[in-house]
């Protein structure tokens, strides 16, 4: 799975170090800064997936950092979580600073991880991005990546088919549902021949290593099955 980048802007060295270590153990790349100025510079350089921003910084408060991120065309959609030891700042942070979440320090790291993961899932969904185990589907470019390496650029129909199958894995998706998702909601017929041809072209574009994950079940529909899921099903 693609390693996400978390930018941690906090001048508390102990908390920053502990938090960075926790996220690294959970497959995040962590970039740290102790001042607002350094944090904004690193944000522009690294384009992080999420920013964890301390409310009180030596050269500015979280307000300045949040506003700067929201006013940057390349960063304005980046999720920002404000962190503070002062719980009274939560309402102000969310209402006035337009942040996406508030974390009361010290708090449980598991809760913070759930918050970050949830925000990134929402952002990726809004951008038409879907990740599952070792693959990543990008709806803006209709591309498929595996282990952070580009595998294929698909047609719109092929991408819709794959996205729908991966989204429902390991379940089988009926031909009727596929037809409506791929060819339009007004589709009445299942169009089995068209779906079969589309699935064949998708397999070819994905290549042998990924193409074989597209499975058909006679009379039921199609599915996407990762090798690990297939082994798990065989053990049942």
Protein backbone atom coordinates (compact mmCIF):
# COMPACT_ATOMS: atom_id res chain seq x y z
CA UNK A 1 0.00 0.00 0.00
CA UNK A 2 1.21 3.54 -0.75
CA UNK A 3 2.93 5.10 2.23
CA UNK A 4 1.12 8.27 3.29
CA UNK A 5 2.96 11.35 4.52
CA UNK A 6 2.04 13.06 7.80
CA UNK A 7 3.45 16.51 8.51
CA UNK A 8 3.74 17.03 12.27
CA UNK A 9 4.23 20.67 13.35
CA UNK A 10 4.86 20.80 17.09
CA UNK A 11 7.58 22.28 19.31
CA UNK A 12 7.09 19.71 22.11
CA UNK A 13 10.01 17.41 21.29
CA UNK A 14 8.87 14.57 23.54
CA UNK A 15 5.30 14.45 22.24
CA UNK A 16 6.44 15.02 18.67
CA UNK A 17 8.97 12.19 18.89
CA UNK A 18 6.50 9.74 20.42
CA UNK A 19 3.80 10.63 17.90
CA UNK A 20 6.18 10.36 14.94
CA UNK A 21 7.37 6.95 16.12
CA UNK A 22 3.81 5.67 16.48
CA UNK A 23 2.79 6.73 12.98
CA UNK A 24 5.98 5.34 11.46
CA UNK A 25 5.17 1.96 13.00
CA UNK A 26 1.80 2.22 11.26
CA UNK A 27 3.32 2.70 7.79
CA UNK A 28 3.31 6.49 7.66
CA UNK A 29 6.16 8.66 6.49
CA UNK A 30 6.46 11.42 9.06
CA UNK A 31 8.00 14.85 8.49
CA UNK A 32 8.43 17.07 11.56
CA UNK A 33 8.84 20.79 12.19
CA UNK A 34 9.11 22.77 15.44
CA UNK A 35 7.94 26.14 14.12
CA UNK A 36 5.09 27.38 11.97
CA UNK A 37 7.50 28.81 9.39
CA UNK A 38 9.40 25.54 8.99
CA UNK A 39 6.15 23.61 8.89
CA UNK A 40 4.75 25.70 6.04
CA UNK A 41 8.01 25.38 4.13
CA UNK A 42 7.96 21.59 4.52
CA UNK A 43 4.28 21.50 3.58
CA UNK A 44 5.08 23.18 0.27
CA UNK A 45 8.04 20.87 -0.34
CA UNK A 46 6.54 17.51 0.66
CA UNK A 47 2.80 18.00 -0.17
CA UNK A 48 1.75 15.85 2.81
CA UNK A 49 -1.42 13.79 2.91
CA UNK A 50 -2.34 15.22 6.31
CA UNK A 51 -1.07 17.95 8.67
CA UNK A 52 -1.09 17.62 12.47
CA UNK A 53 -0.72 21.20 13.72
CA UNK A 54 -0.05 22.30 17.30
CA UNK A 55 -2.16 25.23 18.51
CA UNK A 56 0.71 26.95 20.32
CA UNK A 57 3.97 27.37 18.39
CA UNK A 58 6.96 29.58 19.25
CA UNK A 59 6.62 31.86 16.21
CA UNK A 60 2.85 31.81 15.60
CA UNK A 61 -0.37 30.17 16.68
CA UNK A 62 -2.24 27.45 14.87
CA UNK A 63 -4.53 30.04 13.30
CA UNK A 64 -1.72 31.40 11.12
CA UNK A 65 -0.66 27.93 10.03
CA UNK A 66 -4.18 26.78 9.22
CA UNK A 67 -4.99 29.94 7.26
CA UNK A 68 -1.76 29.69 5.28
CA UNK A 69 -2.49 26.09 4.30
CA UNK A 70 -6.08 26.92 3.31
CA UNK A 71 -4.87 29.83 1.15
CA UNK A 72 -2.29 27.75 -0.71
CA UNK A 73 -3.74 26.43 -3.95
CA UNK A 74 -1.66 23.24 -3.74
CA UNK A 75 -2.50 22.53 -0.10
CA UNK A 76 -5.99 23.91 0.53
CA UNK A 77 -7.64 20.47 0.34
CA UNK A 78 -5.08 18.85 2.63
CA UNK A 79 -6.72 17.66 5.89
CA UNK A 80 -5.53 19.61 8.94
CA UNK A 81 -5.92 18.36 12.50
CA UNK A 82 -5.32 20.87 15.29
CA UNK A 83 -3.74 19.54 18.50
CA UNK A 84 -3.76 21.25 21.88
CA UNK A 85 -3.67 20.55 25.61
CA UNK A 86 -6.48 23.10 26.00
CA UNK A 87 -9.86 21.55 25.28
CA UNK A 88 -11.54 24.96 25.08
CA UNK A 89 -9.77 25.54 21.76
CA UNK A 90 -11.70 22.77 19.99
CA UNK A 91 -14.75 24.81 19.00
CA UNK A 92 -12.63 27.78 17.95
CA UNK A 93 -10.28 25.60 15.90
CA UNK A 94 -13.08 23.93 13.94
CA UNK A 95 -15.25 27.02 13.52
CA UNK A 96 -12.75 29.83 12.98
CA UNK A 97 -9.66 28.06 11.64
CA UNK A 98 -11.49 25.69 9.29
CA UNK A 99 -9.56 22.63 10.44
CA UNK A 100 -10.89 19.12 9.82
CA UNK A 101 -10.42 17.76 13.32
CA UNK A 102 -9.25 18.52 16.84
CA UNK A 103 -7.11 16.28 19.05
CA UNK A 104 -6.83 16.91 22.77
CA UNK A 105 -3.28 16.12 23.91
CA UNK A 106 -1.93 13.87 25.20
CA UNK A 107 -4.81 11.52 24.31
CA UNK A 108 -4.58 7.99 22.93
CA UNK A 109 -2.50 7.53 19.80
CA UNK A 110 -4.93 4.91 18.52
CA UNK A 111 -7.70 7.53 18.51
CA UNK A 112 -5.47 9.97 16.64
CA UNK A 113 -4.59 7.29 14.07
CA UNK A 114 -8.29 6.52 13.56
CA UNK A 115 -8.95 10.23 13.05
CA UNK A 116 -6.20 10.60 10.46
CA UNK A 117 -7.14 7.38 8.65
CA UNK A 118 -10.80 8.40 8.55
CA UNK A 119 -10.05 11.84 7.13
CA UNK A 120 -7.80 10.40 4.44
CA UNK A 121 -10.39 7.82 3.45
CA UNK A 122 -12.94 10.62 3.05
CA UNK A 123 -10.57 12.78 1.01
CA UNK A 124 -9.59 9.87 -1.23
CA UNK A 125 -13.23 8.95 -1.76
CA UNK A 126 -14.07 12.53 -2.76
CA UNK A 127 -11.16 12.52 -5.22
CA UNK A 128 -12.19 9.15 -6.67
CA UNK A 129 -9.23 7.37 -5.11
CA UNK A 130 -9.52 3.85 -3.75
CA UNK A 131 -6.77 1.81 -2.10
CA UNK A 132 -6.91 -1.88 -1.31
CA UNK A 133 -3.91 -3.78 -0.02
CA UNK A 134 -1.23 -3.29 -2.71
CA UNK A 135 -3.20 -1.36 -5.35
CA UNK A 136 -4.39 2.24 -5.70
CA UNK A 137 -7.02 3.46 -8.16
CA UNK A 138 -7.02 7.14 -9.12
CA UNK A 139 -10.28 8.37 -10.62
CA UNK A 140 -8.85 11.67 -11.83
CA UNK A 141 -6.42 9.98 -14.22
CA UNK A 142 -8.02 6.50 -14.52
CA UNK A 143 -4.71 4.94 -13.47
CA UNK A 144 -3.88 1.85 -11.44
CA UNK A 145 -0.77 1.64 -9.28
CA UNK A 146 0.64 -1.35 -7.47
CA UNK A 147 3.09 -0.86 -4.61
CA UNK A 148 3.32 2.83 -5.59
CA UNK A 149 4.30 1.98 -9.20
CA UNK A 150 2.09 2.82 -12.16
CA UNK A 151 0.65 -0.33 -13.73
CA UNK A 152 -1.92 0.84 -16.26
CA UNK A 153 -4.01 3.73 -17.55
CA UNK A 154 -7.54 2.53 -18.22
CA UNK A 155 -10.49 3.75 -20.22
CA UNK A 156 -13.36 5.29 -18.25
CA UNK A 157 -15.47 2.13 -18.61
CA UNK A 158 -12.61 -0.17 -17.59
CA UNK A 159 -11.89 2.02 -14.56
CA UNK A 160 -15.53 2.04 -13.47
CA UNK A 161 -15.64 -1.74 -13.70
CA UNK A 162 -12.46 -2.22 -11.68
CA UNK A 163 -13.40 0.43 -9.11
CA UNK A 164 -16.77 -1.23 -8.53
CA UNK A 165 -15.24 -4.67 -8.12
CA UNK A 166 -12.45 -3.56 -5.77
CA UNK A 167 -14.89 -1.51 -3.70
CA UNK A 168 -17.01 -4.62 -3.09
CA UNK A 169 -14.22 -7.17 -2.74
CA UNK A 170 -14.42 -10.05 -1.96
CA UNK A 171 -18.12 -10.08 -2.86
CA UNK A 172 -19.38 -10.89 -6.34
CA UNK A 173 -21.05 -7.97 -8.14
CA UNK A 174 -24.04 -8.87 -10.31
CA UNK A 175 -24.05 -8.21 -14.04
CA UNK A 176 -27.04 -5.90 -13.63
CA UNK A 177 -25.26 -3.75 -11.04
CA UNK A 178 -22.12 -3.65 -13.17
CA UNK A 179 -24.13 -2.60 -16.21
CA UNK A 180 -25.75 0.26 -14.31
CA UNK A 181 -22.45 1.43 -12.78
CA UNK A 182 -20.51 1.25 -16.04
CA UNK A 183 -23.05 2.02 -18.76
CA UNK A 184 -25.45 4.25 -16.83
CA UNK A 185 -28.29 4.09 -14.28
CA UNK A 186 -30.94 3.79 -16.98
CA UNK A 187 -29.53 0.46 -18.13
CA UNK A 188 -32.18 -2.24 -17.91
CA UNK A 189 -30.52 -5.21 -19.56
CA UNK A 190 -27.54 -6.91 -17.95
CA UNK A 191 -25.48 -6.76 -21.17
CA UNK A 192 -23.47 -9.85 -20.28
CA UNK A 193 -21.56 -9.95 -23.58
CA UNK A 194 -20.51 -6.30 -23.27
CA UNK A 195 -19.38 -6.84 -19.69
CA UNK A 196 -17.44 -9.98 -20.62
CA UNK A 197 -15.63 -8.11 -23.41
CA UNK A 198 -14.91 -5.18 -21.11
CA UNK A 199 -13.53 -7.49 -18.41
CA UNK A 200 -11.26 -9.17 -20.96
CA UNK A 201 -9.82 -5.83 -22.09
CA UNK A 202 -9.37 -4.79 -18.46
CA UNK A 203 -7.42 -7.96 -17.71
CA UNK A 204 -5.17 -7.36 -20.70
CA UNK A 205 -4.46 -3.76 -19.66
CA UNK A 206 -3.72 -4.76 -16.07
CA UNK A 207 -1.26 -7.44 -17.15
CA UNK A 208 -0.96 -11.03 -15.99
CA UNK A 209 -0.11 -10.32 -12.34
CA UNK A 210 -3.18 -8.18 -11.69
CA UNK A 211 -5.48 -9.33 -14.46
CA UNK A 212 -5.95 -12.77 -12.95
CA UNK A 213 -7.55 -11.16 -9.90
CA UNK A 214 -10.65 -10.33 -11.97
CA UNK A 215 -12.87 -13.36 -11.50
CA UNK A 216 -16.19 -14.37 -13.05
CA UNK A 217 -18.83 -16.59 -11.53
CA UNK A 218 -21.23 -18.06 -14.06
CA UNK A 219 -24.75 -16.76 -13.67
CA UNK A 220 -23.81 -14.42 -10.81
CA UNK A 221 -21.38 -11.74 -11.92
CA UNK A 222 -17.80 -10.63 -11.40
CA UNK A 223 -15.43 -9.96 -8.53
CA UNK A 224 -11.94 -8.82 -7.60
CA UNK A 225 -9.98 -11.26 -5.46
CA UNK A 226 -6.56 -10.52 -4.00
CA UNK A 227 -4.34 -13.64 -3.67
CA UNK A 228 -4.35 -13.32 0.13
CA UNK A 229 -8.17 -13.25 0.14
CA UNK A 230 -8.28 -16.27 -2.14
CA UNK A 231 -6.05 -18.28 0.20
CA UNK A 232 -8.19 -17.24 3.16
CA UNK A 233 -11.36 -18.39 1.41
CA UNK A 234 -9.75 -21.75 0.54
CA UNK A 235 -8.90 -22.35 4.21
CA UNK A 236 -12.49 -21.86 5.28
